[in-house]
Protein backbone atom coordinates (compact mmCIF):
# COMPACT_ATOMS: atom_id res chain seq x y z
CA MET A 1 139.34 -17.64 -38.52
CA PRO A 2 140.35 -14.20 -37.13
CA ARG A 3 137.93 -11.48 -38.09
CA MET A 4 138.87 -8.20 -39.79
CA LEU A 5 137.61 -6.26 -36.78
CA ASP A 6 138.50 -2.79 -35.57
CA VAL A 7 138.14 -2.37 -31.80
CA SER A 8 138.93 1.20 -30.75
CA ASP A 9 140.68 1.99 -27.47
CA GLU A 10 137.46 3.47 -26.05
CA VAL A 11 135.46 0.34 -26.93
CA ARG A 12 138.21 -1.85 -25.45
CA ALA A 13 138.17 0.22 -22.26
CA GLU A 14 134.43 -0.41 -21.89
CA ILE A 15 134.29 -4.13 -22.71
CA GLY A 16 137.66 -5.11 -21.24
CA ASP A 17 140.81 -6.59 -22.79
CA GLU A 18 139.62 -10.19 -22.47
CA GLU A 19 136.38 -9.61 -24.38
CA ALA A 20 138.15 -7.45 -26.97
CA ASP A 21 140.77 -10.16 -27.58
CA ARG A 22 138.03 -12.79 -27.96
CA LEU A 23 136.34 -10.61 -30.57
CA LEU A 24 139.57 -10.09 -32.50
CA ALA A 25 140.25 -13.84 -32.38
CA GLY A 26 136.84 -14.47 -33.92
CA GLU A 27 135.39 -16.30 -30.91
CA ASN A 28 132.46 -13.94 -30.24
CA ALA A 29 132.26 -11.92 -33.45
CA PRO A 30 129.71 -12.79 -36.11
CA GLY A 31 130.87 -13.69 -39.58
CA SER A 32 128.00 -12.02 -41.38
CA TYR A 33 126.03 -9.10 -39.94
CA ASP A 34 123.76 -6.23 -40.92
CA CYS A 35 125.71 -2.96 -40.77
CA THR A 36 124.37 -0.83 -37.91
CA SER A 37 124.69 2.27 -40.12
CA CYS A 38 123.64 1.42 -43.68
CA ARG A 39 121.68 -1.76 -42.79
CA THR A 40 123.21 -3.74 -45.67
CA PRO A 41 124.97 -7.09 -45.11
CA GLY A 42 128.60 -7.23 -44.08
CA ASP A 43 131.13 -10.01 -43.52
CA SER A 44 133.83 -9.60 -40.89
CA GLU A 45 135.87 -12.36 -42.57
CA GLN A 46 135.99 -10.49 -45.88
CA GLU A 47 135.96 -6.75 -45.08
CA ARG A 48 137.08 -4.41 -42.35
CA THR A 49 134.39 -4.18 -39.68
CA SER A 50 133.97 -1.71 -36.82
CA THR A 51 132.71 -2.61 -33.36
CA VAL A 52 130.25 0.03 -32.14
CA LEU A 53 129.21 -0.04 -28.49
CA PHE A 54 125.91 1.66 -27.64
CA ILE A 55 125.72 2.48 -23.93
CA GLY A 56 122.44 3.39 -22.24
CA ASP A 57 121.70 4.30 -18.65
CA GLU A 58 121.73 0.69 -17.46
CA THR A 59 122.60 -1.56 -20.39
CA ALA A 60 124.90 -1.70 -23.40
CA VAL A 61 124.67 -3.25 -26.88
CA LEU A 62 127.61 -4.19 -29.08
CA ALA A 63 126.89 -3.77 -32.79
CA PHE A 64 128.90 -4.06 -35.98
CA ALA A 65 129.32 -1.77 -38.97
CA HIS A 66 131.30 -1.57 -42.19
CA ALA A 67 134.50 0.32 -41.38
CA THR A 68 133.69 2.53 -44.38
CA CYS A 69 130.38 3.52 -42.73
CA LEU A 70 131.37 4.03 -39.09
CA PRO A 71 134.59 3.98 -37.08
CA SER A 72 134.78 1.82 -33.99
CA GLN A 73 133.42 4.00 -31.20
CA VAL A 74 131.33 4.24 -28.05
CA VAL A 75 127.95 5.95 -28.50
CA GLN A 76 126.09 7.25 -25.46
CA VAL A 77 122.30 6.89 -25.90
CA THR A 78 119.27 6.98 -23.65
CA GLU A 79 117.83 3.73 -22.35
CA GLU A 80 114.77 4.35 -24.55
CA GLN A 81 116.95 4.73 -27.64
CA LEU A 82 118.86 1.60 -26.70
CA ARG A 83 115.63 -0.41 -26.55
CA GLY A 84 114.81 0.88 -30.01
CA ALA A 85 118.27 -0.09 -31.18
CA VAL A 86 117.82 -3.64 -29.88
CA LYS A 87 114.52 -3.89 -31.74
CA SER A 88 116.26 -2.63 -34.86
CA ILE A 89 119.05 -5.19 -34.53
CA THR A 90 116.64 -8.06 -33.94
CA GLY A 91 114.37 -6.96 -36.78
CA ASP A 92 111.34 -6.02 -34.68
CA ARG A 93 109.21 -3.15 -35.91
CA VAL A 94 109.91 0.17 -34.25
CA ASP A 95 107.31 2.96 -34.22
CA LEU A 96 108.94 6.36 -34.53
CA GLU A 97 107.57 9.64 -33.29
CA PRO A 98 108.28 13.16 -34.57
CA GLU A 99 111.56 14.46 -33.25
CA THR A 100 111.90 17.34 -30.83
CA ILE A 101 114.30 18.57 -28.21
CA VAL A 102 114.02 21.48 -25.81
CA PRO A 103 117.14 23.69 -25.75
CA GLU A 104 116.67 26.88 -23.72
CA GLN A 105 112.86 26.37 -23.68
CA ALA A 106 112.62 26.29 -27.50
CA VAL A 107 111.61 23.30 -29.63
CA LEU A 108 113.61 22.45 -32.74
CA GLY A 109 112.01 20.72 -35.71
CA VAL A 110 114.36 18.69 -37.90
CA THR A 111 113.50 17.59 -41.45
CA SER A 112 115.67 15.34 -43.61
CA GLY A 113 115.79 15.56 -47.38
CA LEU A 114 118.02 15.37 -50.43
CA VAL A 115 119.22 18.70 -51.83
CA LEU A 116 120.59 19.10 -55.37
CA ILE A 117 123.71 21.28 -55.45
CA ALA A 118 125.95 21.61 -58.52
CA GLY A 119 124.29 18.63 -60.17
CA GLU A 120 124.76 16.24 -57.24
CA LEU A 121 122.37 15.10 -54.51
CA HIS A 122 123.46 15.75 -50.94
CA PRO A 123 121.82 14.55 -47.71
CA ALA A 124 120.54 17.50 -45.72
CA LEU A 125 118.96 18.27 -42.38
CA VAL A 126 116.83 21.41 -42.13
CA VAL A 127 116.42 22.81 -38.62
CA GLU A 128 113.71 25.30 -37.75
CA PRO A 129 112.49 26.20 -34.25
CA THR A 130 108.79 26.42 -33.47
CA GLY A 131 109.35 29.79 -31.79
CA PRO A 132 112.00 32.50 -31.39
CA ILE A 133 115.22 31.44 -29.69
CA VAL A 134 116.75 34.11 -27.46
CA ARG A 135 120.26 34.27 -26.15
CA PRO A 136 120.52 32.84 -22.61
CA GLY A 137 120.04 35.67 -20.16
CA ALA A 138 118.60 38.04 -22.77
CA VAL A 139 115.73 40.25 -21.65
CA ASP A 140 114.34 41.27 -25.05
CA ALA A 141 112.08 39.12 -27.22
CA GLY A 142 114.31 39.05 -30.30
CA ASP A 143 115.35 35.95 -32.24
CA ASP A 144 119.04 35.08 -31.83
CA PHE A 145 118.90 31.64 -33.47
CA LEU A 146 121.02 32.47 -36.52
CA PRO A 147 123.52 34.73 -34.71
CA LEU A 148 124.09 31.99 -32.12
CA LEU A 149 124.79 29.44 -34.89
CA ILE A 150 127.05 31.85 -36.77
CA GLU A 151 129.07 32.25 -33.58
CA GLN A 152 129.45 28.45 -33.57
CA GLY A 153 130.87 28.50 -37.11
CA PHE A 154 127.83 28.14 -39.36
CA MET A 155 127.97 30.35 -42.45
CA PRO A 156 125.22 32.56 -43.93
CA VAL A 157 123.80 30.99 -47.12
CA THR A 158 122.53 33.43 -49.73
CA GLU A 159 121.98 30.84 -52.49
CA LEU A 160 122.28 27.07 -52.72
CA THR A 161 124.87 26.93 -55.49
CA ASP A 162 127.80 25.52 -53.50
CA VAL A 163 128.18 23.06 -50.66
CA PRO A 164 128.79 25.00 -47.42
CA PRO A 165 132.18 24.54 -45.76
CA VAL A 166 132.82 21.72 -43.29
CA LEU A 167 132.31 22.65 -39.62
CA HIS A 168 134.87 20.57 -37.77
CA GLY A 169 133.98 19.40 -34.28
CA TRP A 170 130.29 19.08 -35.16
CA SER A 171 128.90 15.85 -36.58
CA VAL A 172 125.75 13.93 -37.43
CA LEU A 173 125.25 10.56 -35.73
CA LEU A 174 123.63 8.05 -38.09
CA ALA A 175 123.56 4.58 -36.57
CA MET A 176 121.43 1.47 -36.97
CA GLY A 177 120.35 3.01 -40.27
CA GLN A 178 118.60 5.81 -38.37
CA LEU A 179 119.29 9.40 -37.37
CA HIS A 180 120.17 9.78 -33.69
CA ALA A 181 121.66 13.22 -33.06
CA VAL A 182 123.55 16.30 -34.14
CA LEU A 183 126.66 16.57 -31.98
CA GLN A 184 128.66 19.66 -31.09
CA PRO A 185 132.07 19.99 -29.42
CA GLY A 186 132.05 19.43 -25.68
CA PRO A 187 133.31 22.12 -23.30
CA ASN A 188 137.09 22.54 -23.03
CA GLY A 189 137.79 19.92 -25.68
CA SER A 190 135.81 17.16 -23.97
CA GLN A 191 133.73 14.50 -25.72
CA PRO A 192 131.07 15.79 -28.16
CA VAL A 193 127.63 16.45 -26.70
CA ALA A 194 124.21 16.43 -28.33
CA TRP A 195 123.11 19.79 -29.72
CA TRP A 196 119.94 18.08 -30.94
CA GLN A 197 118.88 14.53 -30.13
CA ALA A 198 115.91 12.55 -31.40
CA HIS A 199 113.43 11.33 -28.80
CA GLN A 200 113.55 8.09 -30.72
CA PRO A 201 115.91 7.27 -33.63
CA LEU A 202 114.48 8.73 -36.84
CA GLN A 203 114.01 6.75 -40.00
CA VAL A 204 115.63 8.21 -43.12
CA THR A 205 115.11 7.14 -46.72
CA ASP A 206 117.43 4.66 -48.41
CA GLY A 207 118.47 7.41 -50.85
CA TRP A 208 119.32 9.82 -48.04
CA ARG A 209 121.34 7.17 -46.20
CA ALA A 210 123.18 6.16 -49.37
CA ALA A 211 124.07 9.79 -50.11
CA ALA A 212 125.28 10.28 -46.52
CA ASN A 213 127.50 7.20 -46.75
CA LYS A 214 128.81 8.34 -50.15
CA HIS A 215 129.74 11.86 -49.04
CA GLN A 216 130.56 10.94 -45.41
CA GLN A 217 128.93 14.21 -44.42
CA VAL A 218 125.50 15.78 -44.05
CA LEU A 219 124.56 19.35 -44.91
CA MET A 220 122.76 21.14 -42.09
CA PHE A 221 120.71 24.23 -42.85
CA ALA A 222 119.00 26.31 -40.17
CA ALA A 223 116.42 29.07 -40.41
CA PRO A 224 114.39 31.08 -37.88
CA VAL A 225 110.80 30.19 -37.04
CA GLY A 226 108.37 30.65 -39.92
CA SER A 227 111.01 30.55 -42.66
CA ILE A 228 110.70 26.96 -43.93
CA GLY A 229 107.68 25.16 -42.48
CA ARG A 230 106.96 21.45 -42.69
CA GLN A 231 107.15 20.68 -46.40
CA PRO A 232 105.66 17.36 -47.57
CA ARG A 233 107.92 17.03 -50.64
CA GLU A 234 111.61 17.61 -51.31
CA ASP A 235 110.90 20.01 -54.20
CA LEU A 236 108.80 22.18 -51.88
CA LEU A 237 111.50 21.97 -49.22
CA ARG A 238 114.06 23.16 -51.79
CA ASP A 239 111.82 26.07 -52.80
CA ALA A 240 111.49 27.09 -49.13
CA LEU A 241 115.28 26.87 -48.66
CA ASP A 242 115.90 29.02 -51.73
CA LYS A 243 113.43 31.62 -50.47
CA ALA A 244 114.95 31.68 -46.98
CA ALA A 245 118.44 32.06 -48.47
CA ALA A 246 117.34 34.93 -50.71
CA ASN A 247 115.80 36.65 -47.68
CA GLY A 248 119.01 36.32 -45.65
CA LYS A 249 117.41 33.87 -43.22
CA LEU A 250 119.52 30.75 -43.76
CA VAL A 251 122.82 29.46 -42.40
CA GLY A 252 124.51 26.18 -43.19
CA ALA A 253 127.49 23.91 -42.76
CA ALA A 254 128.67 20.47 -43.83
CA LEU A 255 128.87 18.18 -40.80
CA PRO A 256 130.99 15.00 -40.87
CA LEU A 257 129.08 11.77 -40.49
CA ALA A 258 129.00 9.64 -37.34
CA GLY A 259 130.85 11.92 -34.95
CA THR A 260 134.28 11.38 -36.47
């Protein structure tokens, strides 16, 4: 029986017309699968299903997702991430390490949590560097982290009473039920590139993932070093966010989910 599969042009270009046609005819596609985004069961005979191709440095993995969770797309990942993805697909245990990336010699810490705004829970990422971030080429020792983000379209947050506006072109990549990256627009309208990328895919809670799939967006808040800290509980994280906002040290935006 033909499957209710979506194969995007970019996926087709990677796997070839012959393989894409076999998938659409139901020859190589699974009937039932675990969604690579929300990790709940799906059935390509009963519901629209996206083909998601993860491409590493040397290998590639074709995965499947509910069309309501992810569009059909090609996702560039490191070979290390791809090995973790294969373990996730096959059900093997994956040990995750704290996430860091080094942009302009600074290390960003990223914390996920649920934030209550206007009576509704929203999935959020809180980004705080471990040291001051200076503008490339700057000679002084100031901290340009928030001004740089404001120039990219993030908005100052003075209180967490409303959801910040959507920042189009940026997105949060949640795949295989794990957090992979925050993407920003590529130069001159090219493909999005990673602004922050996990060393290894990060586990998020079921509640966070469910809220992200419900809203199809993730709130990202950013604050300069020393403003938030690593908070062990979501209520303490919220208190730290409120304090940073009141002190004029918080920016935010709503980022669409999955790079769409």
